């Protein structure tokens, strides 16, 4: 009798822990590949319930970005943890925007949803699955980098912030978010002042944090240095080969192939580059 009570109690505790790890922490404390698998499962319903906050994406995300990049012709942008492509869609829907967005995520399912959402803008974006760090790009490659609604669901913030700073050119623009208490991510929520100090410690300057929507603040920052242009305009300009380390890729049927060593990277039928 007591053994069965003990077994049932263990099962209930296990289910509670599993629920917290998967749905409350969104797999944050599990391995990146497990987290990617979870997001693959959630991808088709990921945008449910976000329509209200997305009504302000043009005002709060796209237009401030255009203003920050107004002196850069054909800017190259990296959106880390793009999910279903919220930021790329906001930018590509703005007629003045003439740049290219490389949208990166660990989840193939999320990137396939982004492909559907961005279909009208083919040729102006690239979808890239990357699991782990370092990111496969040279230093100072991008005119802008972004990471929205994601730092708090990563295992830790240091690696992504270090990488985003590294690949952003001097004078470049960084757009991100800061989770509020209402987001429910209690294990990762820090104050605005602490988040500002974290970014400044990484090297960013002119950190600006304003209210965005109930779960997140919007954050803008810059990398110190004179404003220049990264002078790259597409994925094949900046993607480093995992075998030889050189940015020598060219497009072929359903793949990217390295001209230097012959390494091939699959591109699936939805257009997602699978590293």
C-alpha atoms as a PDB file:
ATOM      1  CA  UNK A   1       0.000   0.000   0.000  1.00  0.00           C
ATOM      2  CA  UNK A   2       2.639   2.515   1.073  1.00  0.00           C
ATOM      3  CA  UNK A   3       4.869   1.485  -1.838  1.00  0.00           C
ATOM      4  CA  UNK A   4       2.129   2.370  -4.334  1.00  0.00           C
ATOM      5  CA  UNK A   5       1.562   5.733  -2.667  1.00  0.00           C
ATOM      6  CA  UNK A   6       5.303   6.376  -2.904  1.00  0.00           C
ATOM      7  CA  UNK A   7       5.397   5.347  -6.587  1.00  0.00           C
ATOM      8  CA  UNK A   8       2.392   7.539  -7.456  1.00  0.00           C
ATOM      9  CA  UNK A   9       3.959  10.468  -5.595  1.00  0.00           C
ATOM     10  CA  UNK A  10       7.209  10.024  -7.555  1.00  0.00           C
ATOM     11  CA  UNK A  11       5.284   9.917 -10.840  1.00  0.00           C
ATOM     12  CA  UNK A  12       3.373  13.099  -9.986  1.00  0.00           C
ATOM     13  CA  UNK A  13       6.566  14.887  -8.953  1.00  0.00           C
ATOM     14  CA  UNK A  14       8.237  13.744 -12.182  1.00  0.00           C
ATOM     15  CA  UNK A  15       5.333  14.986 -14.301  1.00  0.00           C
ATOM     16  CA  UNK A  16       5.396  18.328 -12.473  1.00  0.00           C
ATOM     17  CA  UNK A  17       9.140  18.723 -13.086  1.00  0.00           C
ATOM     18  CA  UNK A  18       8.740  17.718 -16.748  1.00  0.00           C
ATOM     19  CA  UNK A  19       5.925  20.230 -17.217  1.00  0.00           C
ATOM     20  CA  UNK A  20       8.032  23.005 -15.677  1.00  0.00           C
ATOM     21  CA  UNK A  21      11.078  22.178 -17.788  1.00  0.00           C
ATOM     22  CA  UNK A  22       9.162  21.918 -21.061  1.00  0.00           C
ATOM     23  CA  UNK A  23       6.349  24.452 -20.872  1.00  0.00           C
ATOM     24  CA  UNK A  24       7.432  26.949 -18.198  1.00  0.00           C
ATOM     25  CA  UNK A  25      11.151  27.098 -19.005  1.00  0.00           C
ATOM     26  CA  UNK A  26      10.627  26.189 -22.707  1.00  0.00           C
ATOM     27  CA  UNK A  27      13.426  23.624 -22.547  1.00  0.00           C
ATOM     28  CA  UNK A  28      15.954  26.278 -21.484  1.00  0.00           C
ATOM     29  CA  UNK A  29      17.733  23.944 -19.083  1.00  0.00           C
ATOM     30  CA  UNK A  30      17.778  20.985 -21.461  1.00  0.00           C
ATOM     31  CA  UNK A  31      20.255  20.445 -24.316  1.00  0.00           C
ATOM     32  CA  UNK A  32      20.054  22.685 -27.426  1.00  0.00           C
ATOM     33  CA  UNK A  33      18.996  19.738 -29.582  1.00  0.00           C
ATOM     34  CA  UNK A  34      16.176  18.834 -27.200  1.00  0.00           C
ATOM     35  CA  UNK A  35      15.093  22.475 -27.161  1.00  0.00           C
ATOM     36  CA  UNK A  36      15.181  22.533 -30.970  1.00  0.00           C
ATOM     37  CA  UNK A  37      13.014  19.399 -31.051  1.00  0.00           C
ATOM     38  CA  UNK A  38      10.494  21.037 -28.700  1.00  0.00           C
ATOM     39  CA  UNK A  39      10.260  24.159 -30.857  1.00  0.00           C
ATOM     40  CA  UNK A  40       9.788  21.958 -33.928  1.00  0.00           C
ATOM     41  CA  UNK A  41       6.709  20.526 -32.178  1.00  0.00           C
ATOM     42  CA  UNK A  42       5.366  23.973 -31.200  1.00  0.00           C
ATOM     43  CA  UNK A  43       6.157  25.763 -34.466  1.00  0.00           C
ATOM     44  CA  UNK A  44       2.745  25.685 -36.169  1.00  0.00           C
ATOM     45  CA  UNK A  45       0.996  27.236 -33.168  1.00  0.00           C
ATOM     46  CA  UNK A  46       3.833  29.469 -32.022  1.00  0.00           C
ATOM     47  CA  UNK A  47       2.202  32.714 -33.166  1.00  0.00           C
ATOM     48  CA  UNK A  48      -1.138  31.961 -31.515  1.00  0.00           C
ATOM     49  CA  UNK A  49      -1.871  34.657 -28.957  1.00  0.00           C
ATOM     50  CA  UNK A  50       0.816  37.074 -30.207  1.00  0.00           C
ATOM     51  CA  UNK A  51      -1.321  38.991 -32.680  1.00  0.00           C
ATOM     52  CA  UNK A  52      -2.002  41.850 -30.265  1.00  0.00           C
ATOM     53  CA  UNK A  53       1.673  42.530 -29.600  1.00  0.00           C
ATOM     54  CA  UNK A  54       2.540  42.215 -33.296  1.00  0.00           C
ATOM     55  CA  UNK A  55       0.246  45.116 -34.162  1.00  0.00           C
ATOM     56  CA  UNK A  56       3.040  47.479 -33.056  1.00  0.00           C
ATOM     57  CA  UNK A  57       5.969  45.780 -34.809  1.00  0.00           C
ATOM     58  CA  UNK A  58       6.208  48.402 -37.545  1.00  0.00           C
ATOM     59  CA  UNK A  59       6.259  51.244 -35.027  1.00  0.00           C
ATOM     60  CA  UNK A  60       8.439  49.631 -32.364  1.00  0.00           C
ATOM     61  CA  UNK A  61      10.785  47.409 -34.377  1.00  0.00           C
ATOM     62  CA  UNK A  62      10.943  48.125 -38.111  1.00  0.00           C
ATOM     63  CA  UNK A  63      10.922  51.928 -38.254  1.00  0.00           C
ATOM     64  CA  UNK A  64      13.467  52.475 -35.454  1.00  0.00           C
ATOM     65  CA  UNK A  65      15.696  50.003 -37.296  1.00  0.00           C
ATOM     66  CA  UNK A  66      15.317  51.896 -40.565  1.00  0.00           C
ATOM     67  CA  UNK A  67      16.223  55.103 -38.746  1.00  0.00           C
ATOM     68  CA  UNK A  68      19.329  53.507 -37.218  1.00  0.00           C
ATOM     69  CA  UNK A  69      20.430  52.245 -40.644  1.00  0.00           C
ATOM     70  CA  UNK A  70      19.426  55.292 -42.693  1.00  0.00           C
ATOM     71  CA  UNK A  71      22.992  55.942 -43.864  1.00  0.00           C
ATOM     72  CA  UNK A  72      23.639  52.329 -44.889  1.00  0.00           C
ATOM     73  CA  UNK A  73      22.708  51.176 -48.382  1.00  0.00           C
ATOM     74  CA  UNK A  74      21.622  47.514 -48.613  1.00  0.00           C
ATOM     75  CA  UNK A  75      22.359  46.660 -44.976  1.00  0.00           C
ATOM     76  CA  UNK A  76      23.036  43.051 -44.007  1.00  0.00           C
ATOM     77  CA  UNK A  77      21.100  42.011 -40.907  1.00  0.00           C
ATOM     78  CA  UNK A  78      21.323  38.945 -38.690  1.00  0.00           C
ATOM     79  CA  UNK A  79      18.294  37.957 -36.613  1.00  0.00           C
ATOM     80  CA  UNK A  80      19.360  35.329 -34.073  1.00  0.00           C
ATOM     81  CA  UNK A  81      16.586  33.075 -32.708  1.00  0.00           C
ATOM     82  CA  UNK A  82      14.230  34.447 -35.342  1.00  0.00           C
ATOM     83  CA  UNK A  83      11.490  31.939 -34.488  1.00  0.00           C
ATOM     84  CA  UNK A  84       8.736  32.250 -37.074  1.00  0.00           C
ATOM     85  CA  UNK A  85      10.286  35.380 -38.588  1.00  0.00           C
ATOM     86  CA  UNK A  86       8.619  38.191 -36.653  1.00  0.00           C
ATOM     87  CA  UNK A  87      11.375  40.780 -37.088  1.00  0.00           C
ATOM     88  CA  UNK A  88      12.235  39.910 -40.720  1.00  0.00           C
ATOM     89  CA  UNK A  89       8.572  40.252 -41.654  1.00  0.00           C
ATOM     90  CA  UNK A  90       8.305  43.659 -39.973  1.00  0.00           C
ATOM     91  CA  UNK A  91      11.396  44.906 -41.822  1.00  0.00           C
ATOM     92  CA  UNK A  92      10.588  43.410 -45.226  1.00  0.00           C
ATOM     93  CA  UNK A  93       7.091  44.890 -45.128  1.00  0.00           C
ATOM     94  CA  UNK A  94       8.596  48.393 -44.976  1.00  0.00           C
ATOM     95  CA  UNK A  95       9.030  49.777 -48.553  1.00  0.00           C
ATOM     96  CA  UNK A  96      12.182  51.812 -47.724  1.00  0.00           C
ATOM     97  CA  UNK A  97      14.043  48.727 -46.494  1.00  0.00           C
ATOM     98  CA  UNK A  98      16.466  47.516 -49.195  1.00  0.00           C
ATOM     99  CA  UNK A  99      18.679  45.170 -47.183  1.00  0.00           C
ATOM    100  CA  UNK A 100      18.945  41.417 -46.703  1.00  0.00           C
ATOM    101  CA  UNK A 101      18.041  39.518 -43.519  1.00  0.00           C
ATOM    102  CA  UNK A 102      19.746  36.293 -42.450  1.00  0.00           C
ATOM    103  CA  UNK A 103      17.292  34.678 -40.033  1.00  0.00           C
ATOM    104  CA  UNK A 104      18.900  32.093 -37.734  1.00  0.00           C
ATOM    105  CA  UNK A 105      17.269  29.587 -35.398  1.00  0.00           C
ATOM    106  CA  UNK A 106      17.976  26.190 -33.842  1.00  0.00           C
ATOM    107  CA  UNK A 107      14.568  24.872 -34.943  1.00  0.00           C
ATOM    108  CA  UNK A 108      13.962  23.721 -38.514  1.00  0.00           C
ATOM    109  CA  UNK A 109      10.218  23.729 -37.842  1.00  0.00           C
ATOM    110  CA  UNK A 110      10.237  27.371 -36.785  1.00  0.00           C
ATOM    111  CA  UNK A 111      12.259  28.359 -39.846  1.00  0.00           C
ATOM    112  CA  UNK A 112       9.815  26.520 -42.102  1.00  0.00           C
ATOM    113  CA  UNK A 113       7.004  28.570 -40.563  1.00  0.00           C
ATOM    114  CA  UNK A 114       9.072  31.690 -41.232  1.00  0.00           C
ATOM    115  CA  UNK A 115       9.431  30.590 -44.872  1.00  0.00           C
ATOM    116  CA  UNK A 116       5.645  30.523 -45.224  1.00  0.00           C
ATOM    117  CA  UNK A 117       5.255  33.909 -43.563  1.00  0.00           C
ATOM    118  CA  UNK A 118       7.969  35.560 -45.664  1.00  0.00           C
ATOM    119  CA  UNK A 119       7.101  33.935 -48.992  1.00  0.00           C
ATOM    120  CA  UNK A 120       6.169  37.236 -50.659  1.00  0.00           C
ATOM    121  CA  UNK A 121       9.715  38.533 -50.038  1.00  0.00           C
ATOM    122  CA  UNK A 122      11.749  35.735 -51.625  1.00  0.00           C
ATOM    123  CA  UNK A 123      15.307  36.719 -52.456  1.00  0.00           C
ATOM    124  CA  UNK A 124      15.444  39.284 -49.665  1.00  0.00           C
ATOM    125  CA  UNK A 125      16.036  36.884 -46.766  1.00  0.00           C
ATOM    126  CA  UNK A 126      17.865  33.652 -45.971  1.00  0.00           C
ATOM    127  CA  UNK A 127      16.843  31.060 -43.375  1.00  0.00           C
ATOM    128  CA  UNK A 128      19.684  29.289 -41.585  1.00  0.00           C
ATOM    129  CA  UNK A 129      19.550  26.570 -38.925  1.00  0.00           C
ATOM    130  CA  UNK A 130      22.497  26.702 -36.547  1.00  0.00           C
ATOM    131  CA  UNK A 131      22.806  24.733 -33.306  1.00  0.00           C
ATOM    132  CA  UNK A 132      25.479  25.996 -30.942  1.00  0.00           C
ATOM    133  CA  UNK A 133      28.296  28.537 -30.958  1.00  0.00           C
ATOM    134  CA  UNK A 134      30.417  30.095 -32.331  1.00  0.00           C
ATOM    135  CA  UNK A 135      28.182  31.469 -35.056  1.00  0.00           C
ATOM    136  CA  UNK A 136      29.586  30.657 -38.530  1.00  0.00           C
ATOM    137  CA  UNK A 137      30.450  34.240 -39.519  1.00  0.00           C
ATOM    138  CA  UNK A 138      33.615  36.393 -39.503  1.00  0.00           C
ATOM    139  CA  UNK A 139      34.116  39.304 -37.137  1.00  0.00           C
ATOM    140  CA  UNK A 140      32.449  42.614 -38.052  1.00  0.00           C
ATOM    141  CA  UNK A 141      30.193  41.045 -40.701  1.00  0.00           C
ATOM    142  CA  UNK A 142      26.800  42.665 -40.100  1.00  0.00           C
ATOM    143  CA  UNK A 143      25.407  46.191 -40.135  1.00  0.00           C
ATOM    144  CA  UNK A 144      22.788  45.136 -37.578  1.00  0.00           C
ATOM    145  CA  UNK A 145      22.223  42.157 -35.309  1.00  0.00           C
ATOM    146  CA  UNK A 146      19.063  41.282 -33.402  1.00  0.00           C
ATOM    147  CA  UNK A 147      17.831  38.762 -30.869  1.00  0.00           C
ATOM    148  CA  UNK A 148      14.201  39.260 -29.865  1.00  0.00           C
ATOM    149  CA  UNK A 149      12.275  37.520 -27.058  1.00  0.00           C
ATOM    150  CA  UNK A 150      14.962  34.851 -26.844  1.00  0.00           C
ATOM    151  CA  UNK A 151      17.890  35.563 -24.520  1.00  0.00           C
ATOM    152  CA  UNK A 152      15.817  34.469 -21.527  1.00  0.00           C
ATOM    153  CA  UNK A 153      15.056  31.071 -23.077  1.00  0.00           C
ATOM    154  CA  UNK A 154      18.686  30.313 -23.904  1.00  0.00           C
ATOM    155  CA  UNK A 155      20.798  28.232 -21.504  1.00  0.00           C
ATOM    156  CA  UNK A 156      22.866  31.352 -20.750  1.00  0.00           C
ATOM    157  CA  UNK A 157      23.238  34.856 -22.165  1.00  0.00           C
ATOM    158  CA  UNK A 158      27.022  35.181 -22.308  1.00  0.00           C
ATOM    159  CA  UNK A 159      27.645  33.117 -25.438  1.00  0.00           C
ATOM    160  CA  UNK A 160      24.975  34.708 -27.656  1.00  0.00           C
ATOM    161  CA  UNK A 161      25.849  38.234 -26.524  1.00  0.00           C
ATOM    162  CA  UNK A 162      29.570  37.633 -27.065  1.00  0.00           C
ATOM    163  CA  UNK A 163      28.891  36.315 -30.562  1.00  0.00           C
ATOM    164  CA  UNK A 164      26.479  39.095 -31.508  1.00  0.00           C
ATOM    165  CA  UNK A 165      29.008  41.713 -30.433  1.00  0.00           C
ATOM    166  CA  UNK A 166      31.796  39.940 -32.329  1.00  0.00           C
ATOM    167  CA  UNK A 167      29.997  39.742 -35.681  1.00  0.00           C
ATOM    168  CA  UNK A 168      28.518  43.265 -35.518  1.00  0.00           C
ATOM    169  CA  UNK A 169      30.648  45.854 -37.324  1.00  0.00           C
ATOM    170  CA  UNK A 170      31.934  48.932 -35.455  1.00  0.00           C
ATOM    171  CA  UNK A 171      29.185  51.528 -35.284  1.00  0.00           C
ATOM    172  CA  UNK A 172      26.583  48.799 -35.893  1.00  0.00           C
ATOM    173  CA  UNK A 173      23.122  48.577 -34.359  1.00  0.00           C
ATOM    174  CA  UNK A 174      21.873  45.911 -31.918  1.00  0.00           C
ATOM    175  CA  UNK A 175      18.155  45.327 -31.324  1.00  0.00           C
ATOM    176  CA  UNK A 176      17.003  43.004 -28.555  1.00  0.00           C
ATOM    177  CA  UNK A 177      14.460  42.654 -25.752  1.00  0.00           C
ATOM    178  CA  UNK A 178      14.362  42.473 -21.985  1.00  0.00           C
ATOM    179  CA  UNK A 179      11.875  40.177 -20.273  1.00  0.00           C
ATOM    180  CA  UNK A 180       9.544  41.745 -17.708  1.00  0.00           C
ATOM    181  CA  UNK A 181       8.192  40.063 -14.583  1.00  0.00           C
ATOM    182  CA  UNK A 182       4.973  39.388 -16.511  1.00  0.00           C
ATOM    183  CA  UNK A 183       6.846  37.120 -18.943  1.00  0.00           C
ATOM    184  CA  UNK A 184       6.930  34.355 -16.345  1.00  0.00           C
ATOM    185  CA  UNK A 185      10.637  33.678 -16.939  1.00  0.00           C
ATOM    186  CA  UNK A 186      11.436  34.236 -13.287  1.00  0.00           C
ATOM    187  CA  UNK A 187      14.681  32.273 -13.404  1.00  0.00           C
ATOM    188  CA  UNK A 188      16.106  34.682 -16.031  1.00  0.00           C
ATOM    189  CA  UNK A 189      14.375  38.015 -15.340  1.00  0.00           C
ATOM    190  CA  UNK A 190      16.726  40.758 -14.202  1.00  0.00           C
ATOM    191  CA  UNK A 191      16.062  44.460 -13.746  1.00  0.00           C
ATOM    192  CA  UNK A 192      16.489  46.980 -16.538  1.00  0.00           C
ATOM    193  CA  UNK A 193      19.547  48.356 -14.762  1.00  0.00           C
ATOM    194  CA  UNK A 194      21.117  44.889 -14.503  1.00  0.00           C
ATOM    195  CA  UNK A 195      20.403  44.175 -18.167  1.00  0.00           C
ATOM    196  CA  UNK A 196      21.890  47.524 -19.212  1.00  0.00           C
ATOM    197  CA  UNK A 197      25.007  46.739 -17.167  1.00  0.00           C
ATOM    198  CA  UNK A 198      25.231  43.289 -18.808  1.00  0.00           C
ATOM    199  CA  UNK A 199      25.207  44.811 -22.296  1.00  0.00           C
ATOM    200  CA  UNK A 200      27.712  47.492 -21.367  1.00  0.00           C
ATOM    201  CA  UNK A 201      30.025  44.845 -19.896  1.00  0.00           C
ATOM    202  CA  UNK A 202      29.937  43.072 -23.263  1.00  0.00           C
ATOM    203  CA  UNK A 203      31.022  46.304 -24.943  1.00  0.00           C
ATOM    204  CA  UNK A 204      27.761  47.825 -26.181  1.00  0.00           C
ATOM    205  CA  UNK A 205      27.073  51.512 -25.635  1.00  0.00           C
ATOM    206  CA  UNK A 206      24.138  53.959 -25.759  1.00  0.00           C
ATOM    207  CA  UNK A 207      21.798  51.297 -24.358  1.00  0.00           C
ATOM    208  CA  UNK A 208      18.170  52.425 -24.606  1.00  0.00           C
ATOM    209  CA  UNK A 209      15.393  50.422 -22.899  1.00  0.00           C
ATOM    210  CA  UNK A 210      11.704  51.323 -23.327  1.00  0.00           C
ATOM    211  CA  UNK A 211       8.401  49.569 -22.719  1.00  0.00           C
ATOM    212  CA  UNK A 212       7.281  47.486 -25.704  1.00  0.00           C
ATOM    213  CA  UNK A 213       4.545  45.067 -24.677  1.00  0.00           C
ATOM    214  CA  UNK A 214       3.503  43.371 -21.460  1.00  0.00           C
ATOM    215  CA  UNK A 215       6.082  40.580 -21.546  1.00  0.00           C
ATOM    216  CA  UNK A 216       9.065  42.451 -22.979  1.00  0.00           C
ATOM    217  CA  UNK A 217      10.831  45.794 -23.135  1.00  0.00           C
ATOM    218  CA  UNK A 218      12.510  46.851 -26.363  1.00  0.00           C
ATOM    219  CA  UNK A 219      16.263  47.414 -26.155  1.00  0.00           C
ATOM    220  CA  UNK A 220      18.552  49.254 -28.572  1.00  0.00           C
ATOM    221  CA  UNK A 221      22.338  49.520 -28.334  1.00  0.00           C
ATOM    222  CA  UNK A 222      25.370  50.213 -30.538  1.00  0.00           C
ATOM    223  CA  UNK A 223      28.851  48.812 -30.965  1.00  0.00           C
ATOM    224  CA  UNK A 224      31.469  51.523 -30.453  1.00  0.00           C
ATOM    225  CA  UNK A 225      33.342  52.782 -33.490  1.00  0.00           C
ATOM    226  CA  UNK A 226      32.914  54.943 -36.543  1.00  0.00           C
ATOM    227  CA  UNK A 227      29.857  54.178 -38.632  1.00  0.00           C
ATOM    228  CA  UNK A 228      30.883  52.241 -41.699  1.00  0.00           C
ATOM    229  CA  UNK A 229      29.261  49.545 -43.794  1.00  0.00           C
ATOM    230  CA  UNK A 230      30.023  45.863 -43.442  1.00  0.00           C
ATOM    231  CA  UNK A 231      30.028  45.695 -47.277  1.00  0.00           C
ATOM    232  CA  UNK A 232      28.434  42.251 -47.352  1.00  0.00           C
ATOM    233  CA  UNK A 233      24.993  41.646 -48.784  1.00  0.00           C
ATOM    234  CA  UNK A 234      24.109  37.924 -48.630  1.00  0.00           C
ATOM    235  CA  UNK A 235      24.697  34.651 -46.807  1.00  0.00           C
ATOM    236  CA  UNK A 236      27.287  33.448 -49.318  1.00  0.00           C
ATOM    237  CA  UNK A 237      29.369  36.568 -48.587  1.00  0.00           C
ATOM    238  CA  UNK A 238      29.739  35.734 -44.886  1.00  0.00           C
ATOM    239  CA  UNK A 239      29.015  32.051 -44.186  1.00  0.00           C
ATOM    240  CA  UNK A 240      32.148  30.267 -42.990  1.00  0.00           C
ATOM    241  CA  UNK A 241      32.661  26.714 -44.186  1.00  0.00           C
ATOM    242  CA  UNK A 242      32.611  24.249 -41.245  1.00  0.00           C
ATOM    243  CA  UNK A 243      35.449  22.270 -42.879  1.00  0.00           C
ATOM    244  CA  UNK A 244      37.937  24.860 -44.154  1.00  0.00           C
ATOM    245  CA  UNK A 245      36.730  27.996 -42.332  1.00  0.00           C
ATOM    246  CA  UNK A 246      36.537  30.145 -45.472  1.00  0.00           C
ATOM    247  CA  UNK A 247      33.518  32.123 -46.798  1.00  0.00           C
ATOM    248  CA  UNK A 248      33.623  30.450 -50.205  1.00  0.00           C
ATOM    249  CA  UNK A 249      30.089  29.116 -50.661  1.00  0.00           C
ATOM    250  CA  UNK A 250      28.087  29.215 -53.859  1.00  0.00           C
ATOM    251  CA  UNK A 251      24.532  28.077 -54.518  1.00  0.00           C
ATOM    252  CA  UNK A 252      23.780  24.856 -56.346  1.00  0.00           C
ATOM    253  CA  UNK A 253      20.728  22.574 -56.550  1.00  0.00           C
ATOM    254  CA  UNK A 254      19.402  22.019 -53.025  1.00  0.00           C
ATOM    255  CA  UNK A 255      22.748  22.856 -51.448  1.00  0.00           C
ATOM    256  CA  UNK A 256      25.474  25.362 -50.759  1.00  0.00           C
ATOM    257  CA  UNK A 257      28.905  24.171 -51.899  1.00  0.00           C
ATOM    258  CA  UNK A 258      32.278  25.466 -50.783  1.00  0.00           C
ATOM    259  CA  UNK A 259      34.484  26.401 -53.732  1.00  0.00           C
ATOM    260  CA  UNK A 260      37.586  25.939 -51.601  1.00  0.00           C
ATOM    261  CA  UNK A 261      37.134  22.429 -50.173  1.00  0.00           C
ATOM    262  CA  UNK A 262      33.943  21.021 -51.697  1.00  0.00           C
ATOM    263  CA  UNK A 263      31.945  20.891 -48.444  1.00  0.00           C
ATOM    264  CA  UNK A 264      28.190  20.729 -49.125  1.00  0.00           C
ATOM    265  CA  UNK A 265      25.409  22.051 -46.884  1.00  0.00           C
ATOM    266  CA  UNK A 266      21.839  20.920 -47.499  1.00  0.00           C
ATOM    267  CA  UNK A 267      19.110  23.405 -48.390  1.00  0.00           C
ATOM    268  CA  UNK A 268      15.681  21.801 -47.911  1.00  0.00           C
ATOM    269  CA  UNK A 269      12.634  22.317 -50.126  1.00  0.00           C
ATOM    270  CA  UNK A 270      11.398  25.136 -47.877  1.00  0.00           C
ATOM    271  CA  UNK A 271      14.672  26.992 -48.473  1.00  0.00           C
ATOM    272  CA  UNK A 272      16.171  26.414 -45.006  1.00  0.00           C
ATOM    273  CA  UNK A 273      19.973  26.049 -44.964  1.00  0.00           C
ATOM    274  CA  UNK A 274      20.676  23.161 -42.570  1.00  0.00           C
ATOM    275  CA  UNK A 275      24.025  23.460 -40.823  1.00  0.00           C
END
